[in-house]
Amino acid sequence: MKTIQITIDESLLDEVDRATRDLKTNRSAFIREAVKLALQRSLIGRLEAAHAKGYADKPVAPGEFDIWEDEQAWGQP
């Protein structure tokens, strides 16, 4: 692990400290987890944008998936 320095607003640091007390963890572990979650959110955003671009570039054609309708199970009684 590498030690780094960051600059953070005092009010945000106060919130971090409250959260770390509540979660019984420390600042470093809390911030590491927050960074991991931010990176995951960023990745998901990029993947969703690529997915949307794919459908925008090549939209589903009418009737393209009709052949699969009989294969769908909708849980109807």
N, C-alpha and C. Protein backbone atom coordinates (compact mmCIF):
# COMPACT_ATOMS: atom_id res chain seq x y z
N MET A 1 0.84 -1.18 0.00
CA MET A 1 0.00 0.00 0.00
C MET A 1 0.88 1.23 0.00
N LYS A 2 0.35 2.27 -0.59
CA LYS A 2 1.08 3.52 -0.67
C LYS A 2 0.35 4.58 0.14
N THR A 3 1.10 5.39 0.86
CA THR A 3 0.53 6.49 1.63
C THR A 3 0.48 7.73 0.75
N ILE A 4 -0.68 8.41 0.77
CA ILE A 4 -0.85 9.64 -0.01
C ILE A 4 -1.39 10.73 0.90
N GLN A 5 -1.33 11.96 0.43
CA GLN A 5 -1.94 13.08 1.13
C GLN A 5 -3.07 13.60 0.27
N ILE A 6 -4.17 13.99 0.90
CA ILE A 6 -5.27 14.61 0.18
C ILE A 6 -5.71 15.87 0.92
N THR A 7 -6.34 16.75 0.18
CA THR A 7 -6.94 17.94 0.78
C THR A 7 -8.44 17.73 0.78
N ILE A 8 -9.06 18.03 1.93
CA ILE A 8 -10.50 17.77 2.07
C ILE A 8 -11.11 18.89 2.93
N ASP A 9 -12.30 19.31 2.56
CA ASP A 9 -13.00 20.32 3.36
C ASP A 9 -13.24 19.79 4.77
N GLU A 10 -13.15 20.70 5.74
CA GLU A 10 -13.34 20.28 7.14
C GLU A 10 -14.71 19.67 7.38
N SER A 11 -15.74 20.24 6.76
CA SER A 11 -17.10 19.71 6.98
C SER A 11 -17.22 18.29 6.42
N LEU A 12 -16.59 18.04 5.27
CA LEU A 12 -16.61 16.69 4.70
C LEU A 12 -15.82 15.73 5.59
N LEU A 13 -14.70 16.19 6.10
CA LEU A 13 -13.91 15.35 7.01
C LEU A 13 -14.69 15.02 8.28
N ASP A 14 -15.45 15.99 8.77
CA ASP A 14 -16.30 15.72 9.94
C ASP A 14 -17.31 14.61 9.64
N GLU A 15 -17.89 14.66 8.45
CA GLU A 15 -18.84 13.61 8.05
C GLU A 15 -18.14 12.26 7.94
N VAL A 16 -16.95 12.25 7.37
CA VAL A 16 -16.18 11.01 7.27
C VAL A 16 -15.89 10.46 8.67
N ASP A 17 -15.48 11.34 9.57
CA ASP A 17 -15.17 10.89 10.92
C ASP A 17 -16.40 10.32 11.62
N ARG A 18 -17.56 10.95 11.43
CA ARG A 18 -18.80 10.41 12.02
C ARG A 18 -19.09 9.03 11.43
N ALA A 19 -18.97 8.92 10.13
CA ALA A 19 -19.26 7.64 9.48
C ALA A 19 -18.28 6.56 9.94
N THR A 20 -17.02 6.90 10.07
CA THR A 20 -16.04 5.89 10.49
C THR A 20 -16.33 5.42 11.91
N ARG A 21 -16.76 6.33 12.76
CA ARG A 21 -17.14 5.91 14.13
C ARG A 21 -18.34 4.97 14.08
N ASP A 22 -19.35 5.35 13.31
CA ASP A 22 -20.56 4.52 13.21
C ASP A 22 -20.25 3.14 12.63
N LEU A 23 -19.34 3.11 11.66
CA LEU A 23 -19.01 1.85 10.99
C LEU A 23 -17.88 1.08 11.67
N LYS A 24 -17.32 1.70 12.72
CA LYS A 24 -16.21 1.10 13.45
C LYS A 24 -15.05 0.74 12.51
N THR A 25 -14.64 1.75 11.75
CA THR A 25 -13.53 1.60 10.82
C THR A 25 -12.63 2.83 10.97
N ASN A 26 -11.71 3.02 10.07
CA ASN A 26 -10.85 4.20 10.14
C ASN A 26 -10.95 4.99 8.83
N ARG A 27 -10.38 6.18 8.85
CA ARG A 27 -10.46 7.05 7.67
C ARG A 27 -9.91 6.38 6.42
N SER A 28 -8.76 5.77 6.54
CA SER A 28 -8.12 5.18 5.36
C SER A 28 -9.00 4.10 4.75
N ALA A 29 -9.52 3.20 5.56
CA ALA A 29 -10.37 2.12 5.05
C ALA A 29 -11.64 2.69 4.45
N PHE A 30 -12.23 3.69 5.10
CA PHE A 30 -13.45 4.31 4.60
C PHE A 30 -13.21 4.96 3.25
N ILE A 31 -12.12 5.72 3.14
CA ILE A 31 -11.83 6.43 1.90
C ILE A 31 -11.46 5.44 0.79
N ARG A 32 -10.72 4.37 1.12
CA ARG A 32 -10.43 3.35 0.11
C ARG A 32 -11.71 2.76 -0.45
N GLU A 33 -12.66 2.45 0.42
CA GLU A 33 -13.94 1.88 -0.03
C GLU A 33 -14.72 2.89 -0.86
N ALA A 34 -14.69 4.16 -0.45
CA ALA A 34 -15.38 5.21 -1.21
C ALA A 34 -14.79 5.35 -2.61
N VAL A 35 -13.47 5.27 -2.72
CA VAL A 35 -12.81 5.37 -4.02
C VAL A 35 -13.18 4.16 -4.88
N LYS A 36 -13.19 2.96 -4.29
CA LYS A 36 -13.59 1.76 -5.04
C LYS A 36 -15.01 1.91 -5.58
N LEU A 37 -15.92 2.39 -4.74
CA LEU A 37 -17.31 2.57 -5.18
C LEU A 37 -17.41 3.62 -6.28
N ALA A 38 -16.64 4.69 -6.17
CA ALA A 38 -16.65 5.73 -7.21
C ALA A 38 -16.12 5.17 -8.53
N LEU A 39 -15.09 4.35 -8.47
CA LEU A 39 -14.55 3.74 -9.69
C LEU A 39 -15.55 2.77 -10.31
N GLN A 40 -16.25 2.00 -9.47
CA GLN A 40 -17.29 1.10 -9.98
C GLN A 40 -18.41 1.88 -10.65
N ARG A 41 -18.83 2.96 -10.01
CA ARG A 41 -19.89 3.80 -10.58
C ARG A 41 -19.46 4.39 -11.92
N SER A 42 -18.20 4.81 -11.99
CA SER A 42 -17.67 5.34 -13.24
C SER A 42 -17.67 4.28 -14.34
N LEU A 43 -17.25 3.08 -14.00
CA LEU A 43 -17.23 1.98 -14.98
C LEU A 43 -18.65 1.67 -15.45
N ILE A 44 -19.58 1.58 -14.53
CA ILE A 44 -20.97 1.29 -14.88
C ILE A 44 -21.51 2.37 -15.80
N GLY A 45 -21.19 3.62 -15.52
CA GLY A 45 -21.63 4.72 -16.37
C GLY A 45 -21.08 4.60 -17.78
N ARG A 46 -19.80 4.25 -17.90
CA ARG A 46 -19.20 4.08 -19.23
C ARG A 46 -19.83 2.90 -19.97
N LEU A 47 -20.07 1.79 -19.25
CA LEU A 47 -20.68 0.62 -19.89
C LEU A 47 -22.11 0.92 -20.33
N GLU A 48 -22.87 1.64 -19.50
CA GLU A 48 -24.24 2.01 -19.88
C GLU A 48 -24.24 2.93 -21.09
N ALA A 49 -23.28 3.86 -21.14
CA ALA A 49 -23.20 4.76 -22.29
C ALA A 49 -22.86 3.98 -23.56
N ALA A 50 -21.95 3.02 -23.45
CA ALA A 50 -21.59 2.20 -24.61
C ALA A 50 -22.78 1.35 -25.06
N HIS A 51 -23.54 0.84 -24.11
CA HIS A 51 -24.72 0.04 -24.41
C HIS A 51 -25.76 0.89 -25.14
N ALA A 52 -26.00 2.09 -24.62
CA ALA A 52 -26.97 2.99 -25.25
C ALA A 52 -26.50 3.40 -26.65
N LYS A 53 -25.19 3.65 -26.81
CA LYS A 53 -24.66 4.01 -28.11
C LYS A 53 -24.83 2.86 -29.10
N GLY A 54 -24.63 1.64 -28.64
CA GLY A 54 -24.82 0.48 -29.50
C GLY A 54 -26.24 0.39 -30.03
N TYR A 55 -27.22 0.60 -29.16
CA TYR A 55 -28.62 0.57 -29.61
C TYR A 55 -28.96 1.78 -30.46
N ALA A 56 -28.32 2.93 -30.19
CA ALA A 56 -28.57 4.11 -31.02
C ALA A 56 -27.97 3.91 -32.41
N ASP A 57 -26.79 3.30 -32.46
CA ASP A 57 -26.12 3.07 -33.75
C ASP A 57 -26.80 1.96 -34.55
N LYS A 58 -27.35 0.98 -33.85
CA LYS A 58 -27.98 -0.15 -34.55
C LYS A 58 -29.26 -0.52 -33.79
N PRO A 59 -30.32 0.25 -34.00
CA PRO A 59 -31.56 0.00 -33.26
C PRO A 59 -32.17 -1.36 -33.63
N VAL A 60 -32.97 -1.86 -32.71
CA VAL A 60 -33.66 -3.12 -32.94
C VAL A 60 -34.66 -2.93 -34.08
N ALA A 61 -34.62 -3.83 -35.01
CA ALA A 61 -35.55 -3.76 -36.14
C ALA A 61 -36.91 -4.32 -35.74
N PRO A 62 -37.99 -3.77 -36.28
CA PRO A 62 -39.31 -4.32 -35.97
C PRO A 62 -39.34 -5.81 -36.32
N GLY A 63 -39.81 -6.62 -35.38
CA GLY A 63 -39.93 -8.05 -35.59
C GLY A 63 -38.64 -8.83 -35.37
N GLU A 64 -37.56 -8.14 -35.04
CA GLU A 64 -36.26 -8.80 -34.91
C GLU A 64 -36.26 -9.93 -33.88
N PHE A 65 -37.00 -9.76 -32.81
CA PHE A 65 -36.99 -10.76 -31.74
C PHE A 65 -38.31 -11.53 -31.63
N ASP A 66 -39.18 -11.38 -32.60
CA ASP A 66 -40.48 -12.06 -32.54
C ASP A 66 -40.34 -13.57 -32.41
N ILE A 67 -39.32 -14.14 -32.99
CA ILE A 67 -39.13 -15.59 -32.95
C ILE A 67 -38.99 -16.11 -31.52
N TRP A 68 -38.58 -15.24 -30.61
CA TRP A 68 -38.34 -15.65 -29.22
C TRP A 68 -39.57 -15.52 -28.33
N GLU A 69 -40.65 -14.94 -28.81
CA GLU A 69 -41.80 -14.69 -27.95
C GLU A 69 -42.35 -15.96 -27.31
N ASP A 70 -42.37 -17.05 -28.04
CA ASP A 70 -42.89 -18.30 -27.47
C ASP A 70 -41.97 -18.87 -26.40
N GLU A 71 -40.74 -18.44 -26.35
CA GLU A 71 -39.76 -18.95 -25.39
C GLU A 71 -39.83 -18.20 -24.05
N GLN A 72 -40.51 -17.10 -24.02
CA GLN A 72 -40.56 -16.28 -22.80
C GLN A 72 -41.56 -16.87 -21.81
N ALA A 73 -41.16 -16.92 -20.57
CA ALA A 73 -42.05 -17.37 -19.49
C ALA A 73 -42.37 -16.17 -18.61
N TRP A 74 -43.60 -15.73 -18.65
CA TRP A 74 -43.99 -14.54 -17.90
C TRP A 74 -44.65 -14.87 -16.58
N GLY A 75 -44.70 -16.13 -16.21
CA GLY A 75 -45.27 -16.51 -14.93
C GLY A 75 -46.77 -16.37 -14.84
N GLN A 76 -47.45 -16.42 -15.96
CA GLN A 76 -48.90 -16.31 -15.94
C GLN A 76 -49.50 -17.65 -15.54
N PRO A 77 -50.56 -17.60 -14.73
CA PRO A 77 -51.20 -18.86 -14.28
C PRO A 77 -51.90 -19.63 -15.40
